[in-house]
């Protein structure tokens, strides 16, 4: 069970699904942005989610591993740079 007030991986996936914009995905393709999996969530919305989440290295690692466009962007926003390694 997650700590009270702490954002979980599942919380983030749910938020991304709610904010999904298929029209944005189509628009991205026009500019050559063609990730395998994407929700079409805007950068301002991703910044808001990152701000609500705060720094969380473990969550960032899990988001990066999901290999979804938005989860990787969020991972880069919430990770602690001091803890990031090439591995």
PDB file of N, CA and C in Angstrom:
ATOM      1  N   UNK A   1       0.839  -1.175   0.000  1.00  0.00           N
ATOM      2  CA  UNK A   1       0.000   0.000   0.000  1.00  0.00           C
ATOM      3  C   UNK A   1       0.889   1.244   0.000  1.00  0.00           C
ATOM      4  N   UNK A   2       0.505   2.249  -0.789  1.00  0.00           N
ATOM      5  CA  UNK A   2       1.287   3.481  -0.892  1.00  0.00           C
ATOM      6  C   UNK A   2       1.109   4.331   0.353  1.00  0.00           C
ATOM      7  N   UNK A   3       2.160   5.135   0.635  1.00  0.00           N
ATOM      8  CA  UNK A   3       2.072   6.066   1.757  1.00  0.00           C
ATOM      9  C   UNK A   3       0.992   7.093   1.450  1.00  0.00           C
ATOM     10  N   UNK A   4       0.347   7.601   2.483  1.00  0.00           N
ATOM     11  CA  UNK A   4      -0.681   8.615   2.301  1.00  0.00           C
ATOM     12  C   UNK A   4      -0.085   9.820   1.603  1.00  0.00           C
ATOM     13  N   UNK A   5      -0.752  10.291   0.547  1.00  0.00           N
ATOM     14  CA  UNK A   5      -0.292  11.464  -0.165  1.00  0.00           C
ATOM     15  C   UNK A   5       0.800  11.204  -1.184  1.00  0.00           C
ATOM     16  N   UNK A   6       1.299   9.993  -1.251  1.00  0.00           N
ATOM     17  CA  UNK A   6       2.377   9.671  -2.191  1.00  0.00           C
ATOM     18  C   UNK A   6       1.781   9.169  -3.504  1.00  0.00           C
ATOM     19  N   UNK A   7       2.266   9.700  -4.619  1.00  0.00           N
ATOM     20  CA  UNK A   7       1.786   9.298  -5.937  1.00  0.00           C
ATOM     21  C   UNK A   7       2.397   7.955  -6.308  1.00  0.00           C
ATOM     22  N   UNK A   8       1.571   7.058  -6.804  1.00  0.00           N
ATOM     23  CA  UNK A   8       2.042   5.736  -7.216  1.00  0.00           C
ATOM     24  C   UNK A   8       2.102   5.638  -8.738  1.00  0.00           C
ATOM     25  N   UNK A   9       2.748   4.622  -9.206  1.00  0.00           N
ATOM     26  CA  UNK A   9       2.828   4.323 -10.637  1.00  0.00           C
ATOM     27  C   UNK A   9       1.417   4.194 -11.219  1.00  0.00           C
ATOM     28  N   UNK A  10       0.565   3.499 -10.514  1.00  0.00           N
ATOM     29  CA  UNK A  10      -0.800   3.295 -10.982  1.00  0.00           C
ATOM     30  C   UNK A  10      -1.560   4.619 -11.043  1.00  0.00           C
ATOM     31  N   UNK A  11      -1.321   5.507 -10.054  1.00  0.00           N
ATOM     32  CA  UNK A  11      -1.949   6.841 -10.068  1.00  0.00           C
ATOM     33  C   UNK A  11      -1.570   7.588 -11.340  1.00  0.00           C
ATOM     34  N   UNK A  12      -0.305   7.535 -11.686  1.00  0.00           N
ATOM     35  CA  UNK A  12       0.171   8.267 -12.854  1.00  0.00           C
ATOM     36  C   UNK A  12      -0.423   7.696 -14.138  1.00  0.00           C
ATOM     37  N   UNK A  13      -0.444   6.382 -14.261  1.00  0.00           N
ATOM     38  CA  UNK A  13      -1.041   5.782 -15.458  1.00  0.00           C
ATOM     39  C   UNK A  13      -2.514   6.163 -15.582  1.00  0.00           C
ATOM     40  N   UNK A  14      -3.208   6.201 -14.461  1.00  0.00           N
ATOM     41  CA  UNK A  14      -4.616   6.596 -14.484  1.00  0.00           C
ATOM     42  C   UNK A  14      -4.760   8.047 -14.949  1.00  0.00           C
ATOM     43  N   UNK A  15      -3.914   8.934 -14.422  1.00  0.00           N
ATOM     44  CA  UNK A  15      -3.958  10.344 -14.834  1.00  0.00           C
ATOM     45  C   UNK A  15      -3.667  10.483 -16.320  1.00  0.00           C
ATOM     46  N   UNK A  16      -2.691   9.737 -16.819  1.00  0.00           N
ATOM     47  CA  UNK A  16      -2.351   9.809 -18.236  1.00  0.00           C
ATOM     48  C   UNK A  16      -3.510   9.335 -19.108  1.00  0.00           C
ATOM     49  N   UNK A  17      -4.193   8.301 -18.678  1.00  0.00           N
ATOM     50  CA  UNK A  17      -5.335   7.795 -19.444  1.00  0.00           C
ATOM     51  C   UNK A  17      -6.473   8.813 -19.462  1.00  0.00           C
ATOM     52  N   UNK A  18      -6.703   9.483 -18.338  1.00  0.00           N
ATOM     53  CA  UNK A  18      -7.757  10.507 -18.266  1.00  0.00           C
ATOM     54  C   UNK A  18      -7.419  11.683 -19.177  1.00  0.00           C
ATOM     55  N   UNK A  19      -6.138  12.056 -19.231  1.00  0.00           N
ATOM     56  CA  UNK A  19      -5.702  13.211 -20.013  1.00  0.00           C
ATOM     57  C   UNK A  19      -5.371  12.862 -21.468  1.00  0.00           C
ATOM     58  N   UNK A  20      -5.508  11.598 -21.836  1.00  0.00           N
ATOM     59  CA  UNK A  20      -5.153  11.154 -23.188  1.00  0.00           C
ATOM     60  C   UNK A  20      -5.894  11.971 -24.249  1.00  0.00           C
ATOM     61  N   UNK A  21      -5.188  12.278 -25.335  1.00  0.00           N
ATOM     62  CA  UNK A  21      -5.749  13.082 -26.419  1.00  0.00           C
ATOM     63  C   UNK A  21      -5.357  12.451 -27.754  1.00  0.00           C
ATOM     64  N   UNK A  22      -6.233  11.608 -28.311  1.00  0.00           N
ATOM     65  CA  UNK A  22      -5.915  10.951 -29.585  1.00  0.00           C
ATOM     66  C   UNK A  22      -5.613  11.937 -30.711  1.00  0.00           C
ATOM     67  N   UNK A  23      -6.249  13.098 -30.696  1.00  0.00           N
ATOM     68  CA  UNK A  23      -5.979  14.103 -31.731  1.00  0.00           C
ATOM     69  C   UNK A  23      -4.536  14.605 -31.626  1.00  0.00           C
ATOM     70  N   UNK A  24      -4.030  14.727 -30.415  1.00  0.00           N
ATOM     71  CA  UNK A  24      -2.642  15.157 -30.226  1.00  0.00           C
ATOM     72  C   UNK A  24      -1.679  14.104 -30.751  1.00  0.00           C
ATOM     73  N   UNK A  25      -2.025  12.829 -30.576  1.00  0.00           N
ATOM     74  CA  UNK A  25      -1.177  11.748 -31.092  1.00  0.00           C
ATOM     75  C   UNK A  25      -1.097  11.854 -32.616  1.00  0.00           C
ATOM     76  N   UNK A  26      -2.233  12.093 -33.264  1.00  0.00           N
ATOM     77  CA  UNK A  26      -2.250  12.254 -34.722  1.00  0.00           C
ATOM     78  C   UNK A  26      -1.412  13.462 -35.132  1.00  0.00           C
ATOM     79  N   UNK A  27      -1.522  14.545 -34.379  1.00  0.00           N
ATOM     80  CA  UNK A  27      -0.756  15.749 -34.672  1.00  0.00           C
ATOM     81  C   UNK A  27       0.738  15.531 -34.541  1.00  0.00           C
ATOM     82  N   UNK A  28       1.143  14.746 -33.535  1.00  0.00           N
ATOM     83  CA  UNK A  28       2.565  14.459 -33.338  1.00  0.00           C
ATOM     84  C   UNK A  28       3.120  13.693 -34.537  1.00  0.00           C
ATOM     85  N   UNK A  29       2.335  12.788 -35.091  1.00  0.00           N
ATOM     86  CA  UNK A  29       2.791  11.983 -36.225  1.00  0.00           C
ATOM     87  C   UNK A  29       3.111  12.861 -37.435  1.00  0.00           C
ATOM     88  N   UNK A  30       2.396  13.964 -37.579  1.00  0.00           N
ATOM     89  CA  UNK A  30       2.665  14.883 -38.692  1.00  0.00           C
ATOM     90  C   UNK A  30       4.063  15.475 -38.612  1.00  0.00           C
ATOM     91  N   UNK A  31       4.621  15.540 -37.397  1.00  0.00           N
ATOM     92  CA  UNK A  31       5.946  16.099 -37.186  1.00  0.00           C
ATOM     93  C   UNK A  31       7.003  15.025 -36.963  1.00  0.00           C
ATOM     94  N   UNK A  32       6.662  13.784 -37.270  1.00  0.00           N
ATOM     95  CA  UNK A  32       7.621  12.700 -37.162  1.00  0.00           C
ATOM     96  C   UNK A  32       7.792  12.141 -35.757  1.00  0.00           C
ATOM     97  N   UNK A  33       6.931  12.550 -34.834  1.00  0.00           N
ATOM     98  CA  UNK A  33       6.988  12.024 -33.466  1.00  0.00           C
ATOM     99  C   UNK A  33       6.086  10.796 -33.447  1.00  0.00           C
ATOM    100  N   UNK A  34       6.712   9.624 -33.485  1.00  0.00           N
ATOM    101  CA  UNK A  34       5.940   8.391 -33.620  1.00  0.00           C
ATOM    102  C   UNK A  34       6.372   7.319 -32.623  1.00  0.00           C
ATOM    103  N   UNK A  35       6.225   7.600 -31.332  1.00  0.00           N
ATOM    104  CA  UNK A  35       6.571   6.559 -30.354  1.00  0.00           C
ATOM    105  C   UNK A  35       5.610   5.377 -30.481  1.00  0.00           C
ATOM    106  N   UNK A  36       6.076   4.223 -30.053  1.00  0.00           N
ATOM    107  CA  UNK A  36       5.249   3.024 -30.124  1.00  0.00           C
ATOM    108  C   UNK A  36       3.999   3.199 -29.259  1.00  0.00           C
ATOM    109  N   UNK A  37       4.190   3.720 -28.048  1.00  0.00           N
ATOM    110  CA  UNK A  37       3.055   3.930 -27.144  1.00  0.00           C
ATOM    111  C   UNK A  37       3.078   5.384 -26.675  1.00  0.00           C
ATOM    112  N   UNK A  38       1.965   6.083 -26.829  1.00  0.00           N
ATOM    113  CA  UNK A  38       1.830   7.447 -26.336  1.00  0.00           C
ATOM    114  C   UNK A  38       0.364   7.739 -26.045  1.00  0.00           C
ATOM    115  N   UNK A  39       0.142   8.635 -25.106  1.00  0.00           N
ATOM    116  CA  UNK A  39      -1.213   9.044 -24.754  1.00  0.00           C
ATOM    117  C   UNK A  39      -1.578  10.391 -25.375  1.00  0.00           C
ATOM    118  N   UNK A  40      -0.593  11.152 -25.812  1.00  0.00           N
ATOM    119  CA  UNK A  40      -0.859  12.472 -26.363  1.00  0.00           C
ATOM    120  C   UNK A  40      -1.115  13.521 -25.298  1.00  0.00           C
ATOM    121  N   UNK A  41      -0.527  13.344 -24.125  1.00  0.00           N
ATOM    122  CA  UNK A  41      -0.703  14.289 -23.018  1.00  0.00           C
ATOM    123  C   UNK A  41       0.258  15.459 -23.222  1.00  0.00           C
ATOM    124  N   UNK A  42      -0.246  16.670 -23.021  1.00  0.00           N
ATOM    125  CA  UNK A  42       0.561  17.869 -23.244  1.00  0.00           C
ATOM    126  C   UNK A  42       1.664  18.027 -22.191  1.00  0.00           C
ATOM    127  N   UNK A  43       2.709  18.736 -22.576  1.00  0.00           N
ATOM    128  CA  UNK A  43       3.821  19.001 -21.652  1.00  0.00           C
ATOM    129  C   UNK A  43       3.340  19.794 -20.434  1.00  0.00           C
ATOM    130  N   UNK A  44       2.487  20.823 -20.584  1.00  0.00           N
ATOM    131  CA  UNK A  44       1.997  21.499 -19.372  1.00  0.00           C
ATOM    132  C   UNK A  44       1.292  20.551 -18.394  1.00  0.00           C
ATOM    133  N   UNK A  45       0.529  19.599 -18.908  1.00  0.00           N
ATOM    134  CA  UNK A  45      -0.119  18.623 -18.020  1.00  0.00           C
ATOM    135  C   UNK A  45       0.912  17.705 -17.369  1.00  0.00           C
ATOM    136  N   UNK A  46       1.944  17.329 -18.114  1.00  0.00           N
ATOM    137  CA  UNK A  46       3.004  16.489 -17.539  1.00  0.00           C
ATOM    138  C   UNK A  46       3.750  17.255 -16.456  1.00  0.00           C
ATOM    139  N   UNK A  47       3.986  18.538 -16.677  1.00  0.00           N
ATOM    140  CA  UNK A  47       4.656  19.355 -15.650  1.00  0.00           C
ATOM    141  C   UNK A  47       3.805  19.436 -14.387  1.00  0.00           C
ATOM    142  N   UNK A  48       2.501  19.558 -14.549  1.00  0.00           N
ATOM    143  CA  UNK A  48       1.605  19.612 -13.398  1.00  0.00           C
ATOM    144  C   UNK A  48       1.667  18.307 -12.614  1.00  0.00           C
ATOM    145  N   UNK A  49       1.635  17.181 -13.317  1.00  0.00           N
ATOM    146  CA  UNK A  49       1.728  15.877 -12.649  1.00  0.00           C
ATOM    147  C   UNK A  49       3.072  15.757 -11.926  1.00  0.00           C
ATOM    148  N   UNK A  50       4.144  16.195 -12.577  1.00  0.00           N
ATOM    149  CA  UNK A  50       5.478  16.130 -11.959  1.00  0.00           C
ATOM    150  C   UNK A  50       5.530  16.984 -10.701  1.00  0.00           C
ATOM    151  N   UNK A  51       4.947  18.151 -10.748  1.00  0.00           N
ATOM    152  CA  UNK A  51       4.947  19.036  -9.579  1.00  0.00           C
ATOM    153  C   UNK A  51       4.161  18.408  -8.427  1.00  0.00           C
ATOM    154  N   UNK A  52       3.018  17.804  -8.751  1.00  0.00           N
ATOM    155  CA  UNK A  52       2.202  17.142  -7.726  1.00  0.00           C
ATOM    156  C   UNK A  52       2.936  15.936  -7.135  1.00  0.00           C
ATOM    157  N   UNK A  53       3.725  15.263  -7.952  1.00  0.00           N
ATOM    158  CA  UNK A  53       4.421  14.044  -7.534  1.00  0.00           C
ATOM    159  C   UNK A  53       5.655  14.352  -6.703  1.00  0.00           C
ATOM    160  N   UNK A  54       6.432  15.329  -7.127  1.00  0.00           N
ATOM    161  CA  UNK A  54       7.687  15.641  -6.435  1.00  0.00           C
ATOM    162  C   UNK A  54       8.784  14.670  -6.839  1.00  0.00           C
ATOM    163  N   UNK A  55       9.949  14.825  -6.244  1.00  0.00           N
ATOM    164  CA  UNK A  55      11.101  13.964  -6.553  1.00  0.00           C
ATOM    165  C   UNK A  55      10.860  12.548  -6.018  1.00  0.00           C
ATOM    166  N   UNK A  56      11.113  11.565  -6.872  1.00  0.00           N
ATOM    167  CA  UNK A  56      10.928  10.167  -6.464  1.00  0.00           C
ATOM    168  C   UNK A  56      11.739   9.284  -7.411  1.00  0.00           C
ATOM    169  N   UNK A  57      12.919   8.932  -6.981  1.00  0.00           N
ATOM    170  CA  UNK A  57      13.830   8.146  -7.815  1.00  0.00           C
ATOM    171  C   UNK A  57      13.256   6.768  -8.168  1.00  0.00           C
ATOM    172  N   UNK A  58      12.703   6.083  -7.195  1.00  0.00           N
ATOM    173  CA  UNK A  58      12.176   4.740  -7.456  1.00  0.00           C
ATOM    174  C   UNK A  58      11.008   4.782  -8.440  1.00  0.00           C
ATOM    175  N   UNK A  59      10.123   5.739  -8.268  1.00  0.00           N
ATOM    176  CA  UNK A  59       9.000   5.891  -9.189  1.00  0.00           C
ATOM    177  C   UNK A  59       9.516   6.263 -10.580  1.00  0.00           C
ATOM    178  N   UNK A  60      10.504   7.129 -10.656  1.00  0.00           N
ATOM    179  CA  UNK A  60      11.072   7.523 -11.945  1.00  0.00           C
ATOM    180  C   UNK A  60      11.650   6.307 -12.678  1.00  0.00           C
ATOM    181  N   UNK A  61      12.329   5.439 -11.953  1.00  0.00           N
ATOM    182  CA  UNK A  61      12.887   4.226 -12.579  1.00  0.00           C
ATOM    183  C   UNK A  61      11.775   3.354 -13.155  1.00  0.00           C
ATOM    184  N   UNK A  62      10.698   3.227 -12.420  1.00  0.00           N
ATOM    185  CA  UNK A  62       9.580   2.403 -12.903  1.00  0.00           C
ATOM    186  C   UNK A  62       8.904   3.053 -14.114  1.00  0.00           C
ATOM    187  N   UNK A  63       8.752   4.374 -14.063  1.00  0.00           N
ATOM    188  CA  UNK A  63       8.150   5.074 -15.198  1.00  0.00           C
ATOM    189  C   UNK A  63       9.028   4.947 -16.441  1.00  0.00           C
ATOM    190  N   UNK A  64      10.342   5.062 -16.269  1.00  0.00           N
ATOM    191  CA  UNK A  64      11.252   4.937 -17.411  1.00  0.00           C
ATOM    192  C   UNK A  64      11.147   3.546 -18.026  1.00  0.00           C
ATOM    193  N   UNK A  65      11.081   2.548 -17.191  1.00  0.00           N
ATOM    194  CA  UNK A  65      11.021   1.162 -17.676  1.00  0.00           C
ATOM    195  C   UNK A  65       9.733   0.868 -18.445  1.00  0.00           C
ATOM    196  N   UNK A  66       8.675   1.641 -18.200  1.00  0.00           N
ATOM    197  CA  UNK A  66       7.399   1.411 -18.894  1.00  0.00           C
ATOM    198  C   UNK A  66       7.521   1.678 -20.394  1.00  0.00           C
ATOM    199  N   UNK A  67       8.500   2.502 -20.802  1.00  0.00           N
ATOM    200  CA  UNK A  67       8.781   2.782 -22.208  1.00  0.00           C
ATOM    201  C   UNK A  67       7.564   3.360 -22.946  1.00  0.00           C
ATOM    202  N   UNK A  68       6.868   4.256 -22.266  1.00  0.00           N
ATOM    203  CA  UNK A  68       5.770   5.021 -22.863  1.00  0.00           C
ATOM    204  C   UNK A  68       6.271   6.458 -22.948  1.00  0.00           C
ATOM    205  N   UNK A  69       5.968   7.146 -24.018  1.00  0.00           N
ATOM    206  CA  UNK A  69       6.493   8.498 -24.225  1.00  0.00           C
ATOM    207  C   UNK A  69       6.307   9.360 -22.982  1.00  0.00           C
ATOM    208  N   UNK A  70       5.100   9.441 -22.477  1.00  0.00           N
ATOM    209  CA  UNK A  70       4.818  10.323 -21.342  1.00  0.00           C
ATOM    210  C   UNK A  70       5.445   9.843 -20.040  1.00  0.00           C
ATOM    211  N   UNK A  71       5.535   8.540 -19.835  1.00  0.00           N
ATOM    212  CA  UNK A  71       6.144   8.069 -18.591  1.00  0.00           C
ATOM    213  C   UNK A  71       7.638   8.372 -18.588  1.00  0.00           C
ATOM    214  N   UNK A  72       8.273   8.332 -19.745  1.00  0.00           N
ATOM    215  CA  UNK A  72       9.699   8.663 -19.807  1.00  0.00           C
ATOM    216  C   UNK A  72       9.933  10.153 -19.589  1.00  0.00           C
ATOM    217  N   UNK A  73       9.056  10.981 -20.146  1.00  0.00           N
ATOM    218  CA  UNK A  73       9.179  12.424 -19.912  1.00  0.00           C
ATOM    219  C   UNK A  73       8.996  12.711 -18.420  1.00  0.00           C
ATOM    220  N   UNK A  74       7.972  12.114 -17.817  1.00  0.00           N
ATOM    221  CA  UNK A  74       7.742  12.311 -16.382  1.00  0.00           C
ATOM    222  C   UNK A  74       8.919  11.814 -15.551  1.00  0.00           C
ATOM    223  N   UNK A  75       9.488  10.683 -15.931  1.00  0.00           N
ATOM    224  CA  UNK A  75      10.637  10.150 -15.198  1.00  0.00           C
ATOM    225  C   UNK A  75      11.768  11.172 -15.172  1.00  0.00           C
ATOM    226  N   UNK A  76      11.994  11.819 -16.302  1.00  0.00           N
ATOM    227  CA  UNK A  76      13.075  12.809 -16.353  1.00  0.00           C
ATOM    228  C   UNK A  76      12.757  14.039 -15.511  1.00  0.00           C
ATOM    229  N   UNK A  77      11.488  14.304 -15.282  1.00  0.00           N
ATOM    230  CA  UNK A  77      11.078  15.464 -14.491  1.00  0.00           C
ATOM    231  C   UNK A  77      11.113  15.214 -12.987  1.00  0.00           C
ATOM    232  N   UNK A  78      10.876  13.968 -12.575  1.00  0.00           N
ATOM    233  CA  UNK A  78      10.763  13.705 -11.130  1.00  0.00           C
ATOM    234  C   UNK A  78      11.978  13.025 -10.528  1.00  0.00           C
ATOM    235  N   UNK A  79      12.881  12.527 -11.361  1.00  0.00           N
ATOM    236  CA  UNK A  79      14.038  11.810 -10.815  1.00  0.00           C
ATOM    237  C   UNK A  79      15.007  12.767 -10.133  1.00  0.00           C
ATOM    238  N   UNK A  80      15.762  12.243  -9.212  1.00  0.00           N
ATOM    239  CA  UNK A  80      16.805  12.997  -8.535  1.00  0.00           C
ATOM    240  C   UNK A  80      18.088  12.827  -9.337  1.00  0.00           C
ATOM    241  N   UNK A  81      18.574  13.895  -9.985  1.00  0.00           N
ATOM    242  CA  UNK A  81      19.751  13.771 -10.848  1.00  0.00           C
ATOM    243  C   UNK A  81      20.962  13.158 -10.153  1.00  0.00           C
ATOM    244  N   UNK A  82      21.084  13.331  -8.866  1.00  0.00           N
ATOM    245  CA  UNK A  82      22.228  12.780  -8.127  1.00  0.00           C
ATOM    246  C   UNK A  82      22.187  11.247  -8.064  1.00  0.00           C
ATOM    247  N   UNK A  83      21.006  10.673  -8.272  1.00  0.00           N
ATOM    248  CA  UNK A  83      20.863   9.232  -8.167  1.00  0.00           C
ATOM    249  C   UNK A  83      20.835   8.518  -9.516  1.00  0.00           C
ATOM    250  N   UNK A  84      20.828   9.286 -10.604  1.00  0.00           N
ATOM    251  CA  UNK A  84      20.738   8.706 -11.945  1.00  0.00           C
ATOM    252  C   UNK A  84      22.107   8.200 -12.378  1.00  0.00           C
ATOM    253  N   UNK A  85      22.123   6.994 -12.923  1.00  0.00           N
ATOM    254  CA  UNK A  85      23.350   6.409 -13.452  1.00  0.00           C
ATOM    255  C   UNK A  85      23.097   5.965 -14.891  1.00  0.00           C
ATOM    256  N   UNK A  86      24.153   5.626 -15.614  1.00  0.00           N
ATOM    257  CA  UNK A  86      23.985   5.106 -16.977  1.00  0.00           C
ATOM    258  C   UNK A  86      23.191   3.811 -16.978  1.00  0.00           C
ATOM    259  N   UNK A  87      23.339   3.052 -15.934  1.00  0.00           N
ATOM    260  CA  UNK A  87      22.646   1.772 -15.809  1.00  0.00           C
ATOM    261  C   UNK A  87      21.166   2.004 -15.715  1.00  0.00           C
TER     262      UNK A  87
END
